[in-house]
């Protein structure tokens, strides 16, 4: 029985692509790494440090843990200044309003707490979530299911009673690894076809498909 819905943030509820890409590119270029925007976009969801590490390896730039930590911290500082170019996806508020008070809601993100807290305040949507879990609280990024296990535990709900809403293949894989039901939305960097290959329980094009989402969530109760 579904008792909670766990939303991803980047690419699922909010269009953060420009801010994420711009902040990564600034620190990577300064580190001597020239990478495509697509390289970054297709790694949204695996965490800041992991993305920087993979980019530096691709550019054959030597690095150590201290360099990774410094670049990640600078990327977060830059992204926190770019919240003005972030917008919620159509249908996000309407969906959250329908769910609030009827079921527990969590927000999970591989962005830092500093960034997501500022965005939730500015967009005035923090009140919809019973729990917010950020990258700062997670040791292993997606596709490891840790972030979903932490979210469920803090909600007081068993993993099998959760529905995850995700936009990336990493997120869908993590949800399936946690044995949670998963709704995949093709609003991020991955196509509908790529997401369907991960076998989500429901596939949608956008959050505007509110009735399909609500039927899936409450029809399982």
C-alpha atoms as a PDB file:
ATOM      1  CA  UNK A   1       0.000   0.000   0.000  1.00  0.00           C
ATOM      2  CA  UNK A   2       1.363   3.386  -0.986  1.00  0.00           C
ATOM      3  CA  UNK A   3       1.937   5.630   2.031  1.00  0.00           C
ATOM      4  CA  UNK A   4       4.429   8.156   0.681  1.00  0.00           C
ATOM      5  CA  UNK A   5       5.602   9.876  -2.479  1.00  0.00           C
ATOM      6  CA  UNK A   6       9.283  10.772  -2.835  1.00  0.00           C
ATOM      7  CA  UNK A   7      10.087  13.454  -5.416  1.00  0.00           C
ATOM      8  CA  UNK A   8      13.412  14.105  -7.055  1.00  0.00           C
ATOM      9  CA  UNK A   9      14.214  17.816  -7.471  1.00  0.00           C
ATOM     10  CA  UNK A  10      16.534  18.536 -10.409  1.00  0.00           C
ATOM     11  CA  UNK A  11      14.777  17.811 -13.690  1.00  0.00           C
ATOM     12  CA  UNK A  12      11.665  16.423 -11.981  1.00  0.00           C
ATOM     13  CA  UNK A  13       9.998  19.210 -10.015  1.00  0.00           C
ATOM     14  CA  UNK A  14      12.298  22.021 -11.124  1.00  0.00           C
ATOM     15  CA  UNK A  15      14.064  22.963 -14.332  1.00  0.00           C
ATOM     16  CA  UNK A  16      17.529  23.521 -12.887  1.00  0.00           C
ATOM     17  CA  UNK A  17      19.517  22.530 -15.970  1.00  0.00           C
ATOM     18  CA  UNK A  18      20.883  25.983 -16.853  1.00  0.00           C
ATOM     19  CA  UNK A  19      22.015  26.711 -13.299  1.00  0.00           C
ATOM     20  CA  UNK A  20      23.584  23.284 -12.844  1.00  0.00           C
ATOM     21  CA  UNK A  21      25.416  23.313 -16.165  1.00  0.00           C
ATOM     22  CA  UNK A  22      26.641  26.890 -15.776  1.00  0.00           C
ATOM     23  CA  UNK A  23      28.027  26.295 -12.292  1.00  0.00           C
ATOM     24  CA  UNK A  24      29.782  23.060 -13.286  1.00  0.00           C
ATOM     25  CA  UNK A  25      31.239  24.606 -16.430  1.00  0.00           C
ATOM     26  CA  UNK A  26      32.706  27.554 -14.559  1.00  0.00           C
ATOM     27  CA  UNK A  27      34.686  25.440 -12.116  1.00  0.00           C
ATOM     28  CA  UNK A  28      35.692  22.846 -14.696  1.00  0.00           C
ATOM     29  CA  UNK A  29      37.036  25.412 -17.166  1.00  0.00           C
ATOM     30  CA  UNK A  30      39.059  27.010 -14.383  1.00  0.00           C
ATOM     31  CA  UNK A  31      40.466  23.539 -13.638  1.00  0.00           C
ATOM     32  CA  UNK A  32      41.525  23.162 -17.284  1.00  0.00           C
ATOM     33  CA  UNK A  33      38.705  20.816 -18.248  1.00  0.00           C
ATOM     34  CA  UNK A  34      36.631  21.575 -21.342  1.00  0.00           C
ATOM     35  CA  UNK A  35      33.555  19.369 -21.470  1.00  0.00           C
ATOM     36  CA  UNK A  36      30.217  19.483 -23.300  1.00  0.00           C
ATOM     37  CA  UNK A  37      27.028  20.647 -21.628  1.00  0.00           C
ATOM     38  CA  UNK A  38      25.495  17.289 -22.509  1.00  0.00           C
ATOM     39  CA  UNK A  39      28.203  15.480 -20.516  1.00  0.00           C
ATOM     40  CA  UNK A  40      27.006  17.358 -17.435  1.00  0.00           C
ATOM     41  CA  UNK A  41      23.283  17.145 -18.191  1.00  0.00           C
ATOM     42  CA  UNK A  42      23.367  13.372 -18.482  1.00  0.00           C
ATOM     43  CA  UNK A  43      25.019  13.095 -15.074  1.00  0.00           C
ATOM     44  CA  UNK A  44      22.533  15.229 -13.196  1.00  0.00           C
ATOM     45  CA  UNK A  45      21.469  13.196 -10.213  1.00  0.00           C
ATOM     46  CA  UNK A  46      24.736  11.432  -9.423  1.00  0.00           C
ATOM     47  CA  UNK A  47      26.041  14.253  -7.234  1.00  0.00           C
ATOM     48  CA  UNK A  48      28.422  17.194  -7.573  1.00  0.00           C
ATOM     49  CA  UNK A  49      31.657  15.491  -6.553  1.00  0.00           C
ATOM     50  CA  UNK A  50      31.045  12.423  -8.737  1.00  0.00           C
ATOM     51  CA  UNK A  51      30.240  14.567 -11.792  1.00  0.00           C
ATOM     52  CA  UNK A  52      33.394  16.653 -11.340  1.00  0.00           C
ATOM     53  CA  UNK A  53      35.475  13.512 -10.869  1.00  0.00           C
ATOM     54  CA  UNK A  54      34.149  11.942 -14.074  1.00  0.00           C
ATOM     55  CA  UNK A  55      34.665  15.170 -16.024  1.00  0.00           C
ATOM     56  CA  UNK A  56      38.277  15.554 -14.873  1.00  0.00           C
ATOM     57  CA  UNK A  57      39.005  11.947 -15.782  1.00  0.00           C
ATOM     58  CA  UNK A  58      37.492  12.497 -19.227  1.00  0.00           C
ATOM     59  CA  UNK A  59      39.720  15.569 -19.663  1.00  0.00           C
ATOM     60  CA  UNK A  60      42.794  13.728 -18.364  1.00  0.00           C
ATOM     61  CA  UNK A  61      43.210  16.359 -15.641  1.00  0.00           C
ATOM     62  CA  UNK A  62      45.050  15.106 -12.582  1.00  0.00           C
ATOM     63  CA  UNK A  63      43.268  15.633  -9.254  1.00  0.00           C
ATOM     64  CA  UNK A  64      43.207  14.590  -5.626  1.00  0.00           C
ATOM     65  CA  UNK A  65      40.563  14.606  -2.904  1.00  0.00           C
ATOM     66  CA  UNK A  66      41.382  18.142  -1.816  1.00  0.00           C
ATOM     67  CA  UNK A  67      40.970  19.444  -5.366  1.00  0.00           C
ATOM     68  CA  UNK A  68      37.640  17.639  -5.714  1.00  0.00           C
ATOM     69  CA  UNK A  69      36.363  19.072  -2.454  1.00  0.00           C
ATOM     70  CA  UNK A  70      37.426  22.612  -3.385  1.00  0.00           C
ATOM     71  CA  UNK A  71      35.870  22.429  -6.852  1.00  0.00           C
ATOM     72  CA  UNK A  72      32.645  20.954  -5.459  1.00  0.00           C
ATOM     73  CA  UNK A  73      32.396  23.688  -2.817  1.00  0.00           C
ATOM     74  CA  UNK A  74      32.944  26.409  -5.414  1.00  0.00           C
ATOM     75  CA  UNK A  75      30.371  24.855  -7.743  1.00  0.00           C
ATOM     76  CA  UNK A  76      27.809  24.910  -4.915  1.00  0.00           C
ATOM     77  CA  UNK A  77      28.582  28.558  -4.136  1.00  0.00           C
ATOM     78  CA  UNK A  78      28.085  29.511  -7.777  1.00  0.00           C
ATOM     79  CA  UNK A  79      24.855  27.519  -8.145  1.00  0.00           C
ATOM     80  CA  UNK A  80      23.412  29.114  -5.018  1.00  0.00           C
ATOM     81  CA  UNK A  81      23.727  32.473  -6.771  1.00  0.00           C
ATOM     82  CA  UNK A  82      21.833  31.267  -9.832  1.00  0.00           C
ATOM     83  CA  UNK A  83      18.453  30.464  -8.292  1.00  0.00           C
ATOM     84  CA  UNK A  84      16.852  33.246 -10.352  1.00  0.00           C
ATOM     85  CA  UNK A  85      17.194  31.123 -13.507  1.00  0.00           C
ATOM     86  CA  UNK A  86      15.486  28.091 -11.932  1.00  0.00           C
ATOM     87  CA  UNK A  87      11.774  27.523 -12.523  1.00  0.00           C
ATOM     88  CA  UNK A  88       9.248  24.919 -11.410  1.00  0.00           C
ATOM     89  CA  UNK A  89       7.872  22.659 -14.103  1.00  0.00           C
ATOM     90  CA  UNK A  90       4.273  23.097 -15.205  1.00  0.00           C
ATOM     91  CA  UNK A  91       1.981  21.023 -13.032  1.00  0.00           C
ATOM     92  CA  UNK A  92       4.374  20.775 -10.069  1.00  0.00           C
ATOM     93  CA  UNK A  93       2.423  23.001  -7.668  1.00  0.00           C
ATOM     94  CA  UNK A  94      -0.944  21.563  -8.694  1.00  0.00           C
ATOM     95  CA  UNK A  95       0.292  18.015  -8.093  1.00  0.00           C
ATOM     96  CA  UNK A  96       1.801  18.847  -4.703  1.00  0.00           C
ATOM     97  CA  UNK A  97      -1.437  20.551  -3.651  1.00  0.00           C
ATOM     98  CA  UNK A  98      -3.427  17.440  -4.547  1.00  0.00           C
ATOM     99  CA  UNK A  99      -1.077  15.201  -2.569  1.00  0.00           C
ATOM    100  CA  UNK A 100      -0.612  17.366   0.520  1.00  0.00           C
ATOM    101  CA  UNK A 101      -2.663  16.198   3.479  1.00  0.00           C
ATOM    102  CA  UNK A 102      -3.552  12.924   1.774  1.00  0.00           C
ATOM    103  CA  UNK A 103      -0.155  11.206   1.830  1.00  0.00           C
ATOM    104  CA  UNK A 104       3.365  11.783   3.157  1.00  0.00           C
ATOM    105  CA  UNK A 105       5.665  13.680   0.784  1.00  0.00           C
ATOM    106  CA  UNK A 106       9.460  13.764   0.686  1.00  0.00           C
ATOM    107  CA  UNK A 107      11.876  15.682  -1.480  1.00  0.00           C
ATOM    108  CA  UNK A 108      15.250  14.146  -2.228  1.00  0.00           C
ATOM    109  CA  UNK A 109      18.063  15.726  -4.193  1.00  0.00           C
ATOM    110  CA  UNK A 110      21.702  15.175  -4.995  1.00  0.00           C
ATOM    111  CA  UNK A 111      22.120  18.948  -4.818  1.00  0.00           C
ATOM    112  CA  UNK A 112      23.492  20.490  -1.642  1.00  0.00           C
ATOM    113  CA  UNK A 113      21.310  21.575   1.256  1.00  0.00           C
ATOM    114  CA  UNK A 114      22.497  25.155   0.772  1.00  0.00           C
ATOM    115  CA  UNK A 115      21.157  25.270  -2.788  1.00  0.00           C
ATOM    116  CA  UNK A 116      17.893  23.424  -2.261  1.00  0.00           C
ATOM    117  CA  UNK A 117      16.992  25.313   0.938  1.00  0.00           C
ATOM    118  CA  UNK A 118      17.362  28.616  -0.881  1.00  0.00           C
ATOM    119  CA  UNK A 119      15.266  27.411  -3.796  1.00  0.00           C
ATOM    120  CA  UNK A 120      12.486  26.006  -1.616  1.00  0.00           C
ATOM    121  CA  UNK A 121      12.280  29.329   0.196  1.00  0.00           C
ATOM    122  CA  UNK A 122      12.338  31.466  -2.942  1.00  0.00           C
ATOM    123  CA  UNK A 123       9.795  29.284  -4.774  1.00  0.00           C
ATOM    124  CA  UNK A 124       7.673  29.063  -1.605  1.00  0.00           C
ATOM    125  CA  UNK A 125       7.119  25.315  -1.822  1.00  0.00           C
ATOM    126  CA  UNK A 126       9.029  24.027   1.213  1.00  0.00           C
ATOM    127  CA  UNK A 127       5.786  23.615   3.138  1.00  0.00           C
ATOM    128  CA  UNK A 128       4.618  20.801   0.879  1.00  0.00           C
ATOM    129  CA  UNK A 129       7.315  18.404   2.073  1.00  0.00           C
ATOM    130  CA  UNK A 130       7.333  16.413   5.288  1.00  0.00           C
ATOM    131  CA  UNK A 131      11.006  15.575   4.746  1.00  0.00           C
ATOM    132  CA  UNK A 132      13.830  17.015   2.630  1.00  0.00           C
ATOM    133  CA  UNK A 133      16.960  14.918   2.081  1.00  0.00           C
ATOM    134  CA  UNK A 134      19.945  16.527   0.339  1.00  0.00           C
ATOM    135  CA  UNK A 135      23.308  15.320  -0.939  1.00  0.00           C
ATOM    136  CA  UNK A 136      24.947  16.491   2.303  1.00  0.00           C
ATOM    137  CA  UNK A 137      23.246  13.614   4.126  1.00  0.00           C
ATOM    138  CA  UNK A 138      24.164  10.903   1.600  1.00  0.00           C
ATOM    139  CA  UNK A 139      27.372   8.920   1.327  1.00  0.00           C
ATOM    140  CA  UNK A 140      26.627   7.025  -1.910  1.00  0.00           C
ATOM    141  CA  UNK A 141      25.012   8.908  -4.838  1.00  0.00           C
ATOM    142  CA  UNK A 142      22.497   7.414  -7.272  1.00  0.00           C
ATOM    143  CA  UNK A 143      22.169   4.844  -8.698  1.00  0.00           C
ATOM    144  CA  UNK A 144      22.831   3.658  -5.153  1.00  0.00           C
ATOM    145  CA  UNK A 145      19.428   3.595  -3.368  1.00  0.00           C
ATOM    146  CA  UNK A 146      20.733   5.194  -0.154  1.00  0.00           C
ATOM    147  CA  UNK A 147      18.919   8.518  -0.662  1.00  0.00           C
ATOM    148  CA  UNK A 148      15.592   6.703  -0.970  1.00  0.00           C
ATOM    149  CA  UNK A 149      16.189   4.531   2.079  1.00  0.00           C
ATOM    150  CA  UNK A 150      17.056   7.634   4.120  1.00  0.00           C
ATOM    151  CA  UNK A 151      13.941   9.434   2.852  1.00  0.00           C
ATOM    152  CA  UNK A 152      11.671   6.501   3.715  1.00  0.00           C
ATOM    153  CA  UNK A 153      13.221   6.079   7.161  1.00  0.00           C
ATOM    154  CA  UNK A 154      12.751   9.744   7.989  1.00  0.00           C
ATOM    155  CA  UNK A 155       9.139   9.549   6.832  1.00  0.00           C
ATOM    156  CA  UNK A 156       8.611   6.442   8.962  1.00  0.00           C
ATOM    157  CA  UNK A 157       7.436   4.469   5.947  1.00  0.00           C
ATOM    158  CA  UNK A 158       8.659   1.094   4.658  1.00  0.00           C
ATOM    159  CA  UNK A 159      10.457   1.282   1.272  1.00  0.00           C
ATOM    160  CA  UNK A 160       7.897  -0.965  -0.386  1.00  0.00           C
ATOM    161  CA  UNK A 161       5.169   1.541   0.541  1.00  0.00           C
ATOM    162  CA  UNK A 162       6.833   4.428  -1.326  1.00  0.00           C
ATOM    163  CA  UNK A 163       6.416   5.793  -4.844  1.00  0.00           C
ATOM    164  CA  UNK A 164       9.362   7.654  -6.337  1.00  0.00           C
ATOM    165  CA  UNK A 165       9.027  10.318  -9.053  1.00  0.00           C
ATOM    166  CA  UNK A 166      12.254  10.602 -11.073  1.00  0.00           C
ATOM    167  CA  UNK A 167      13.558  11.978 -14.376  1.00  0.00           C
ATOM    168  CA  UNK A 168      16.922  10.194 -14.776  1.00  0.00           C
ATOM    169  CA  UNK A 169      17.962   6.627 -15.467  1.00  0.00           C
ATOM    170  CA  UNK A 170      20.129   6.797 -12.319  1.00  0.00           C
ATOM    171  CA  UNK A 171      17.096   7.758 -10.262  1.00  0.00           C
ATOM    172  CA  UNK A 172      14.891   5.023 -11.697  1.00  0.00           C
ATOM    173  CA  UNK A 173      17.612   2.447 -11.089  1.00  0.00           C
ATOM    174  CA  UNK A 174      18.020   3.630  -7.512  1.00  0.00           C
ATOM    175  CA  UNK A 175      14.265   3.470  -6.892  1.00  0.00           C
ATOM    176  CA  UNK A 176      14.062  -0.048  -8.302  1.00  0.00           C
ATOM    177  CA  UNK A 177      17.076  -1.097  -6.210  1.00  0.00           C
ATOM    178  CA  UNK A 178      15.212   0.186  -3.147  1.00  0.00           C
ATOM    179  CA  UNK A 179      12.215  -1.944  -4.234  1.00  0.00           C
ATOM    180  CA  UNK A 180      10.043   1.165  -4.458  1.00  0.00           C
ATOM    181  CA  UNK A 181       7.470   1.845  -7.134  1.00  0.00           C
ATOM    182  CA  UNK A 182       8.687   4.406  -9.650  1.00  0.00           C
ATOM    183  CA  UNK A 183       7.080   7.005 -11.888  1.00  0.00           C
ATOM    184  CA  UNK A 184       9.485   8.203 -14.582  1.00  0.00           C
ATOM    185  CA  UNK A 185       8.950  11.624 -16.159  1.00  0.00           C
ATOM    186  CA  UNK A 186      10.800  12.559 -19.357  1.00  0.00           C
ATOM    187  CA  UNK A 187      11.365  16.188 -18.374  1.00  0.00           C
ATOM    188  CA  UNK A 188      15.112  15.905 -17.826  1.00  0.00           C
ATOM    189  CA  UNK A 189      18.072  14.935 -20.009  1.00  0.00           C
ATOM    190  CA  UNK A 190      16.828  11.417 -20.740  1.00  0.00           C
ATOM    191  CA  UNK A 191      14.354  10.461 -23.442  1.00  0.00           C
ATOM    192  CA  UNK A 192      11.151   8.550 -22.873  1.00  0.00           C
ATOM    193  CA  UNK A 193      12.722   5.554 -24.602  1.00  0.00           C
ATOM    194  CA  UNK A 194      15.809   5.580 -22.371  1.00  0.00           C
ATOM    195  CA  UNK A 195      13.685   5.783 -19.242  1.00  0.00           C
ATOM    196  CA  UNK A 196      11.347   3.024 -20.393  1.00  0.00           C
ATOM    197  CA  UNK A 197      14.345   0.698 -20.722  1.00  0.00           C
ATOM    198  CA  UNK A 198      14.699   0.941 -16.932  1.00  0.00           C
ATOM    199  CA  UNK A 199      11.170  -0.461 -16.486  1.00  0.00           C
ATOM    200  CA  UNK A 200       9.484   2.221 -14.364  1.00  0.00           C
ATOM    201  CA  UNK A 201       6.012   1.352 -13.093  1.00  0.00           C
ATOM    202  CA  UNK A 202       4.513   4.384 -14.833  1.00  0.00           C
ATOM    203  CA  UNK A 203       5.890   6.544 -17.644  1.00  0.00           C
ATOM    204  CA  UNK A 204       4.722  10.137 -18.130  1.00  0.00           C
ATOM    205  CA  UNK A 205       5.823  13.066 -20.268  1.00  0.00           C
ATOM    206  CA  UNK A 206       5.272  15.787 -17.655  1.00  0.00           C
ATOM    207  CA  UNK A 207       3.748  16.522 -14.265  1.00  0.00           C
ATOM    208  CA  UNK A 208       0.762  18.019 -16.070  1.00  0.00           C
ATOM    209  CA  UNK A 209      -0.462  14.414 -16.330  1.00  0.00           C
ATOM    210  CA  UNK A 210      -1.719  14.844 -12.790  1.00  0.00           C
ATOM    211  CA  UNK A 211      -4.703  12.513 -13.032  1.00  0.00           C
ATOM    212  CA  UNK A 212      -2.559   9.582 -14.184  1.00  0.00           C
ATOM    213  CA  UNK A 213      -0.164  10.172 -11.293  1.00  0.00           C
ATOM    214  CA  UNK A 214      -2.940  10.457  -8.712  1.00  0.00           C
ATOM    215  CA  UNK A 215      -4.658   7.343 -10.051  1.00  0.00           C
ATOM    216  CA  UNK A 216      -1.401   5.405  -9.795  1.00  0.00           C
ATOM    217  CA  UNK A 217      -0.710   6.617  -6.241  1.00  0.00           C
ATOM    218  CA  UNK A 218      -4.165   6.385  -4.726  1.00  0.00           C
ATOM    219  CA  UNK A 219      -5.350   3.474  -6.820  1.00  0.00           C
ATOM    220  CA  UNK A 220      -2.665   1.415  -5.078  1.00  0.00           C
ATOM    221  CA  UNK A 221      -3.888   2.311  -1.586  1.00  0.00           C
END
